[in-house]
Amino acid sequence: MLKFQYNNNTKIENFEEFILNVYAIVDELYKKYAPDNISKRRNKDKAKLSDAEIITISICGELIGINSENA
């Protein structure tokens, strides 16, 4: 499990920095907890986006009110 320190605060200036911070957290969690049959699947190298990038886009989209996967 990630250990958060209460004395380590990051001031986020804009939404782009927020997305980068979310990506860093998601990528770390994905590498640690994703099952091998998903994270080491066939043809993963042909994907245009990584799984962590897709999860980050989904989370940030939900936060700004985009509920449609097509949007």
PDB file of N, CA and C in Angstrom:
ATOM      1  N   MET A   1       0.835  -1.182   0.000  1.00  0.00           N
ATOM      2  CA  MET A   1       0.000   0.000   0.000  1.00  0.00           C
ATOM      3  C   MET A   1       0.880   1.246   0.000  1.00  0.00           C
ATOM      4  N   LEU A   2       0.438   2.264  -0.689  1.00  0.00           N
ATOM      5  CA  LEU A   2       1.184   3.515  -0.699  1.00  0.00           C
ATOM      6  C   LEU A   2       1.157   4.157   0.675  1.00  0.00           C
ATOM      7  N   LYS A   3       2.269   4.718   1.054  1.00  0.00           N
ATOM      8  CA  LYS A   3       2.335   5.412   2.327  1.00  0.00           C
ATOM      9  C   LYS A   3       2.400   6.905   2.046  1.00  0.00           C
ATOM     10  N   PHE A   4       1.393   7.607   2.484  1.00  0.00           N
ATOM     11  CA  PHE A   4       1.339   9.043   2.288  1.00  0.00           C
ATOM     12  C   PHE A   4       1.906   9.730   3.519  1.00  0.00           C
ATOM     13  N   GLN A   5       2.711  10.733   3.282  1.00  0.00           N
ATOM     14  CA  GLN A   5       3.281  11.486   4.384  1.00  0.00           C
ATOM     15  C   GLN A   5       2.497  12.778   4.533  1.00  0.00           C
ATOM     16  N   TYR A   6       2.142  13.083   5.752  1.00  0.00           N
ATOM     17  CA  TYR A   6       1.332  14.273   6.003  1.00  0.00           C
ATOM     18  C   TYR A   6       2.134  15.567   5.843  1.00  0.00           C
ATOM     19  N   ASN A   7       3.451  15.477   5.934  1.00  0.00           N
ATOM     20  CA  ASN A   7       4.258  16.679   5.828  1.00  0.00           C
ATOM     21  C   ASN A   7       4.738  16.953   4.404  1.00  0.00           C
ATOM     22  N   ASN A   8       4.292  16.164   3.441  1.00  0.00           N
ATOM     23  CA  ASN A   8       4.716  16.333   2.055  1.00  0.00           C
ATOM     24  C   ASN A   8       3.534  16.837   1.233  1.00  0.00           C
ATOM     25  N   ASN A   9       3.423  18.126   1.078  1.00  0.00           N
ATOM     26  CA  ASN A   9       2.322  18.731   0.340  1.00  0.00           C
ATOM     27  C   ASN A   9       2.821  19.273  -0.985  1.00  0.00           C
ATOM     28  N   THR A  10       2.025  19.091  -2.013  1.00  0.00           N
ATOM     29  CA  THR A  10       2.360  19.605  -3.332  1.00  0.00           C
ATOM     30  C   THR A  10       1.294  20.601  -3.745  1.00  0.00           C
ATOM     31  N   LYS A  11       1.710  21.792  -4.103  1.00  0.00           N
ATOM     32  CA  LYS A  11       0.765  22.789  -4.576  1.00  0.00           C
ATOM     33  C   LYS A  11       0.594  22.606  -6.074  1.00  0.00           C
ATOM     34  N   ILE A  12      -0.632  22.372  -6.488  1.00  0.00           N
ATOM     35  CA  ILE A  12      -0.926  22.142  -7.897  1.00  0.00           C
ATOM     36  C   ILE A  12      -1.424  23.452  -8.492  1.00  0.00           C
ATOM     37  N   GLU A  13      -0.698  23.946  -9.477  1.00  0.00           N
ATOM     38  CA  GLU A  13      -1.000  25.248 -10.059  1.00  0.00           C
ATOM     39  C   GLU A  13      -2.112  25.196 -11.099  1.00  0.00           C
ATOM     40  N   ASN A  14      -2.193  24.101 -11.867  1.00  0.00           N
ATOM     41  CA  ASN A  14      -3.207  24.034 -12.917  1.00  0.00           C
ATOM     42  C   ASN A  14      -3.629  22.582 -13.135  1.00  0.00           C
ATOM     43  N   PHE A  15      -4.587  22.387 -14.014  1.00  0.00           N
ATOM     44  CA  PHE A  15      -5.143  21.061 -14.244  1.00  0.00           C
ATOM     45  C   PHE A  15      -4.120  20.132 -14.882  1.00  0.00           C
ATOM     46  N   GLU A  16      -3.215  20.656 -15.682  1.00  0.00           N
ATOM     47  CA  GLU A  16      -2.183  19.821 -16.306  1.00  0.00           C
ATOM     48  C   GLU A  16      -1.278  19.192 -15.253  1.00  0.00           C
ATOM     49  N   GLU A  17      -0.884  19.973 -14.252  1.00  0.00           N
ATOM     50  CA  GLU A  17      -0.075  19.427 -13.165  1.00  0.00           C
ATOM     51  C   GLU A  17      -0.855  18.390 -12.381  1.00  0.00           C
ATOM     52  N   PHE A  18      -2.152  18.626 -12.211  1.00  0.00           N
ATOM     53  CA  PHE A  18      -2.996  17.658 -11.520  1.00  0.00           C
ATOM     54  C   PHE A  18      -3.002  16.331 -12.268  1.00  0.00           C
ATOM     55  N   ILE A  19      -3.151  16.398 -13.594  1.00  0.00           N
ATOM     56  CA  ILE A  19      -3.165  15.180 -14.408  1.00  0.00           C
ATOM     57  C   ILE A  19      -1.843  14.432 -14.260  1.00  0.00           C
ATOM     58  N   LEU A  20      -0.729  15.145 -14.272  1.00  0.00           N
ATOM     59  CA  LEU A  20       0.580  14.499 -14.120  1.00  0.00           C
ATOM     60  C   LEU A  20       0.725  13.820 -12.757  1.00  0.00           C
ATOM     61  N   ASN A  21       0.210  14.465 -11.718  1.00  0.00           N
ATOM     62  CA  ASN A  21       0.263  13.866 -10.386  1.00  0.00           C
ATOM     63  C   ASN A  21      -0.620  12.621 -10.301  1.00  0.00           C
ATOM     64  N   VAL A  22      -1.804  12.701 -10.887  1.00  0.00           N
ATOM     65  CA  VAL A  22      -2.700  11.542 -10.900  1.00  0.00           C
ATOM     66  C   VAL A  22      -2.040  10.397 -11.660  1.00  0.00           C
ATOM     67  N   TYR A  23      -1.416  10.709 -12.801  1.00  0.00           N
ATOM     68  CA  TYR A  23      -0.745   9.672 -13.589  1.00  0.00           C
ATOM     69  C   TYR A  23       0.365   8.994 -12.787  1.00  0.00           C
ATOM     70  N   ALA A  24       1.142   9.766 -12.068  1.00  0.00           N
ATOM     71  CA  ALA A  24       2.233   9.185 -11.279  1.00  0.00           C
ATOM     72  C   ALA A  24       1.697   8.212 -10.235  1.00  0.00           C
ATOM     73  N   ILE A  25       0.609   8.572  -9.583  1.00  0.00           N
ATOM     74  CA  ILE A  25       0.006   7.700  -8.567  1.00  0.00           C
ATOM     75  C   ILE A  25      -0.597   6.465  -9.217  1.00  0.00           C
ATOM     76  N   VAL A  26      -1.351   6.654 -10.301  1.00  0.00           N
ATOM     77  CA  VAL A  26      -1.987   5.528 -10.983  1.00  0.00           C
ATOM     78  C   VAL A  26      -0.936   4.567 -11.527  1.00  0.00           C
ATOM     79  N   ASP A  27       0.121   5.090 -12.114  1.00  0.00           N
ATOM     80  CA  ASP A  27       1.159   4.234 -12.681  1.00  0.00           C
ATOM     81  C   ASP A  27       1.823   3.386 -11.603  1.00  0.00           C
ATOM     82  N   GLU A  28       2.104   3.987 -10.457  1.00  0.00           N
ATOM     83  CA  GLU A  28       2.713   3.242  -9.352  1.00  0.00           C
ATOM     84  C   GLU A  28       1.768   2.154  -8.836  1.00  0.00           C
ATOM     85  N   LEU A  29       0.505   2.503  -8.666  1.00  0.00           N
ATOM     86  CA  LEU A  29      -0.471   1.515  -8.194  1.00  0.00           C
ATOM     87  C   LEU A  29      -0.683   0.403  -9.218  1.00  0.00           C
ATOM     88  N   TYR A  30      -0.720   0.759 -10.495  1.00  0.00           N
ATOM     89  CA  TYR A  30      -0.925  -0.234 -11.551  1.00  0.00           C
ATOM     90  C   TYR A  30       0.221  -1.241 -11.582  1.00  0.00           C
ATOM     91  N   LYS A  31       1.438  -0.749 -11.515  1.00  0.00           N
ATOM     92  CA  LYS A  31       2.595  -1.643 -11.529  1.00  0.00           C
ATOM     93  C   LYS A  31       2.599  -2.581 -10.328  1.00  0.00           C
ATOM     94  N   LYS A  32       2.082  -2.102  -9.211  1.00  0.00           N
ATOM     95  CA  LYS A  32       2.121  -2.896  -7.993  1.00  0.00           C
ATOM     96  C   LYS A  32       0.963  -3.893  -7.893  1.00  0.00           C
ATOM     97  N   TYR A  33      -0.235  -3.509  -8.354  1.00  0.00           N
ATOM     98  CA  TYR A  33      -1.423  -4.309  -8.074  1.00  0.00           C
ATOM     99  C   TYR A  33      -2.102  -4.947  -9.281  1.00  0.00           C
ATOM    100  N   ALA A  34      -1.740  -4.590 -10.483  1.00  0.00           N
ATOM    101  CA  ALA A  34      -2.394  -5.179 -11.660  1.00  0.00           C
ATOM    102  C   ALA A  34      -2.012  -6.651 -11.769  1.00  0.00           C
ATOM    103  N   PRO A  35      -2.989  -7.524 -12.016  1.00  0.00           N
ATOM    104  CA  PRO A  35      -2.671  -8.946 -12.168  1.00  0.00           C
ATOM    105  C   PRO A  35      -1.790  -9.182 -13.391  1.00  0.00           C
ATOM    106  N   ASP A  36      -0.960 -10.207 -13.320  1.00  0.00           N
ATOM    107  CA  ASP A  36      -0.032 -10.515 -14.413  1.00  0.00           C
ATOM    108  C   ASP A  36      -0.749 -10.812 -15.726  1.00  0.00           C
ATOM    109  N   ASN A  37      -1.915 -11.463 -15.660  1.00  0.00           N
ATOM    110  CA  ASN A  37      -2.616 -11.787 -16.910  1.00  0.00           C
ATOM    111  C   ASN A  37      -3.119 -10.534 -17.621  1.00  0.00           C
ATOM    112  N   ILE A  38      -3.192  -9.425 -16.944  1.00  0.00           N
ATOM    113  CA  ILE A  38      -3.579  -8.162 -17.578  1.00  0.00           C
ATOM    114  C   ILE A  38      -2.341  -7.342 -17.940  1.00  0.00           C
ATOM    115  N   SER A  39      -1.437  -7.194 -17.003  1.00  0.00           N
ATOM    116  CA  SER A  39      -0.276  -6.330 -17.247  1.00  0.00           C
ATOM    117  C   SER A  39       0.740  -6.942 -18.203  1.00  0.00           C
ATOM    118  N   LYS A  40       0.712  -8.255 -18.395  1.00  0.00           N
ATOM    119  CA  LYS A  40       1.669  -8.907 -19.294  1.00  0.00           C
ATOM    120  C   LYS A  40       0.956  -9.633 -20.430  1.00  0.00           C
ATOM    121  N   ARG A  41      -0.116  -9.031 -20.928  1.00  0.00           N
ATOM    122  CA  ARG A  41      -0.896  -9.665 -21.988  1.00  0.00           C
ATOM    123  C   ARG A  41      -0.197  -9.540 -23.342  1.00  0.00           C
ATOM    124  N   ARG A  42      -0.687 -10.308 -24.299  1.00  0.00           N
ATOM    125  CA  ARG A  42      -0.117 -10.287 -25.653  1.00  0.00           C
ATOM    126  C   ARG A  42      -0.423  -8.965 -26.342  1.00  0.00           C
ATOM    127  N   ASN A  43       0.431  -8.575 -27.246  1.00  0.00           N
ATOM    128  CA  ASN A  43       0.273  -7.389 -28.104  1.00  0.00           C
ATOM    129  C   ASN A  43       0.148  -6.082 -27.335  1.00  0.00           C
ATOM    130  N   LYS A  44       0.606  -6.054 -26.109  1.00  0.00           N
ATOM    131  CA  LYS A  44       0.535  -4.823 -25.312  1.00  0.00           C
ATOM    132  C   LYS A  44       1.411  -3.732 -25.923  1.00  0.00           C
ATOM    133  N   ASP A  45       2.491  -4.138 -26.590  1.00  0.00           N
ATOM    134  CA  ASP A  45       3.413  -3.174 -27.179  1.00  0.00           C
ATOM    135  C   ASP A  45       2.815  -2.441 -28.379  1.00  0.00           C
ATOM    136  N   LYS A  46       1.715  -2.932 -28.922  1.00  0.00           N
ATOM    137  CA  LYS A  46       1.069  -2.288 -30.071  1.00  0.00           C
ATOM    138  C   LYS A  46       0.056  -1.214 -29.662  1.00  0.00           C
ATOM    139  N   ALA A  47      -0.227  -1.111 -28.378  1.00  0.00           N
ATOM    140  CA  ALA A  47      -1.197  -0.130 -27.889  1.00  0.00           C
ATOM    141  C   ALA A  47      -0.645   1.288 -28.032  1.00  0.00           C
ATOM    142  N   LYS A  48      -1.519   2.233 -28.334  1.00  0.00           N
ATOM    143  CA  LYS A  48      -1.106   3.635 -28.467  1.00  0.00           C
ATOM    144  C   LYS A  48      -0.962   4.316 -27.111  1.00  0.00           C
ATOM    145  N   LEU A  49      -1.729   3.865 -26.116  1.00  0.00           N
ATOM    146  CA  LEU A  49      -1.659   4.418 -24.764  1.00  0.00           C
ATOM    147  C   LEU A  49      -1.435   3.278 -23.776  1.00  0.00           C
ATOM    148  N   SER A  50      -0.740   3.573 -22.702  1.00  0.00           N
ATOM    149  CA  SER A  50      -0.555   2.570 -21.661  1.00  0.00           C
ATOM    150  C   SER A  50      -1.833   2.458 -20.837  1.00  0.00           C
ATOM    151  N   ASP A  51      -1.942   1.379 -20.083  1.00  0.00           N
ATOM    152  CA  ASP A  51      -3.113   1.192 -19.230  1.00  0.00           C
ATOM    153  C   ASP A  51      -3.218   2.306 -18.191  1.00  0.00           C
ATOM    154  N   ALA A  52      -2.089   2.712 -17.631  1.00  0.00           N
ATOM    155  CA  ALA A  52      -2.085   3.785 -16.631  1.00  0.00           C
ATOM    156  C   ALA A  52      -2.558   5.107 -17.242  1.00  0.00           C
ATOM    157  N   GLU A  53      -2.201   5.363 -18.494  1.00  0.00           N
ATOM    158  CA  GLU A  53      -2.658   6.588 -19.160  1.00  0.00           C
ATOM    159  C   GLU A  53      -4.170   6.560 -19.373  1.00  0.00           C
ATOM    160  N   ILE A  54      -4.701   5.423 -19.758  1.00  0.00           N
ATOM    161  CA  ILE A  54      -6.150   5.302 -19.972  1.00  0.00           C
ATOM    162  C   ILE A  54      -6.911   5.478 -18.661  1.00  0.00           C
ATOM    163  N   ILE A  55      -6.405   4.881 -17.597  1.00  0.00           N
ATOM    164  CA  ILE A  55      -7.048   5.027 -16.284  1.00  0.00           C
ATOM    165  C   ILE A  55      -7.004   6.486 -15.840  1.00  0.00           C
ATOM    166  N   THR A  56      -5.875   7.151 -16.054  1.00  0.00           N
ATOM    167  CA  THR A  56      -5.740   8.563 -15.680  1.00  0.00           C
ATOM    168  C   THR A  56      -6.715   9.434 -16.452  1.00  0.00           C
ATOM    169  N   ILE A  57      -6.834   9.201 -17.750  1.00  0.00           N
ATOM    170  CA  ILE A  57      -7.776   9.969 -18.570  1.00  0.00           C
ATOM    171  C   ILE A  57      -9.197   9.766 -18.071  1.00  0.00           C
ATOM    172  N   SER A  58      -9.538   8.547 -17.722  1.00  0.00           N
ATOM    173  CA  SER A  58     -10.884   8.251 -17.234  1.00  0.00           C
ATOM    174  C   SER A  58     -11.159   8.960 -15.906  1.00  0.00           C
ATOM    175  N   ILE A  59     -10.211   8.888 -14.980  1.00  0.00           N
ATOM    176  CA  ILE A  59     -10.393   9.541 -13.673  1.00  0.00           C
ATOM    177  C   ILE A  59     -10.522  11.054 -13.824  1.00  0.00           C
ATOM    178  N   CYS A  60      -9.628  11.666 -14.578  1.00  0.00           N
ATOM    179  CA  CYS A  60      -9.656  13.126 -14.744  1.00  0.00           C
ATOM    180  C   CYS A  60     -10.889  13.567 -15.525  1.00  0.00           C
ATOM    181  N   GLY A  61     -11.308  12.777 -16.496  1.00  0.00           N
ATOM    182  CA  GLY A  61     -12.528  13.094 -17.232  1.00  0.00           C
ATOM    183  C   GLY A  61     -13.749  13.073 -16.334  1.00  0.00           C
ATOM    184  N   GLU A  62     -13.838  12.099 -15.449  1.00  0.00           N
ATOM    185  CA  GLU A  62     -14.953  12.034 -14.506  1.00  0.00           C
ATOM    186  C   GLU A  62     -14.946  13.248 -13.578  1.00  0.00           C
ATOM    187  N   LEU A  63     -13.764  13.676 -13.161  1.00  0.00           N
ATOM    188  CA  LEU A  63     -13.680  14.826 -12.253  1.00  0.00           C
ATOM    189  C   LEU A  63     -14.168  16.114 -12.891  1.00  0.00           C
ATOM    190  N   ILE A  64     -13.988  16.265 -14.193  1.00  0.00           N
ATOM    191  CA  ILE A  64     -14.448  17.503 -14.840  1.00  0.00           C
ATOM    192  C   ILE A  64     -15.845  17.343 -15.465  1.00  0.00           C
ATOM    193  N   GLY A  65     -16.457  16.181 -15.233  1.00  0.00           N
ATOM    194  CA  GLY A  65     -17.854  16.007 -15.641  1.00  0.00           C
ATOM    195  C   GLY A  65     -18.053  15.323 -16.972  1.00  0.00           C
ATOM    196  N   ILE A  66     -17.032  14.710 -17.533  1.00  0.00           N
ATOM    197  CA  ILE A  66     -17.203  13.972 -18.784  1.00  0.00           C
ATOM    198  C   ILE A  66     -17.544  12.536 -18.419  1.00  0.00           C
ATOM    199  N   ASN A  67     -18.797  12.160 -18.623  1.00  0.00           N
ATOM    200  CA  ASN A  67     -19.233  10.830 -18.242  1.00  0.00           C
ATOM    201  C   ASN A  67     -19.240   9.866 -19.421  1.00  0.00           C
ATOM    202  N   SER A  68     -19.177  10.363 -20.621  1.00  0.00           N
ATOM    203  CA  SER A  68     -19.225   9.520 -21.795  1.00  0.00           C
ATOM    204  C   SER A  68     -17.835   9.052 -22.175  1.00  0.00           C
ATOM    205  N   GLU A  69     -17.694   7.785 -22.510  1.00  0.00           N
ATOM    206  CA  GLU A  69     -16.407   7.279 -22.953  1.00  0.00           C
ATOM    207  C   GLU A  69     -16.047   7.840 -24.340  1.00  0.00           C
ATOM    208  N   ASN A  70     -17.054   8.202 -25.136  1.00  0.00           N
ATOM    209  CA  ASN A  70     -16.803   8.763 -26.458  1.00  0.00           C
ATOM    210  C   ASN A  70     -16.298  10.199 -26.387  1.00  0.00           C
ATOM    211  N   ALA A  71     -16.673  10.934 -25.345  1.00  0.00           N
ATOM    212  CA  ALA A  71     -16.254  12.317 -25.224  1.00  0.00           C
ATOM    213  C   ALA A  71     -14.780  12.391 -24.922  1.00  0.00           C
TER     214      ALA A  71
END
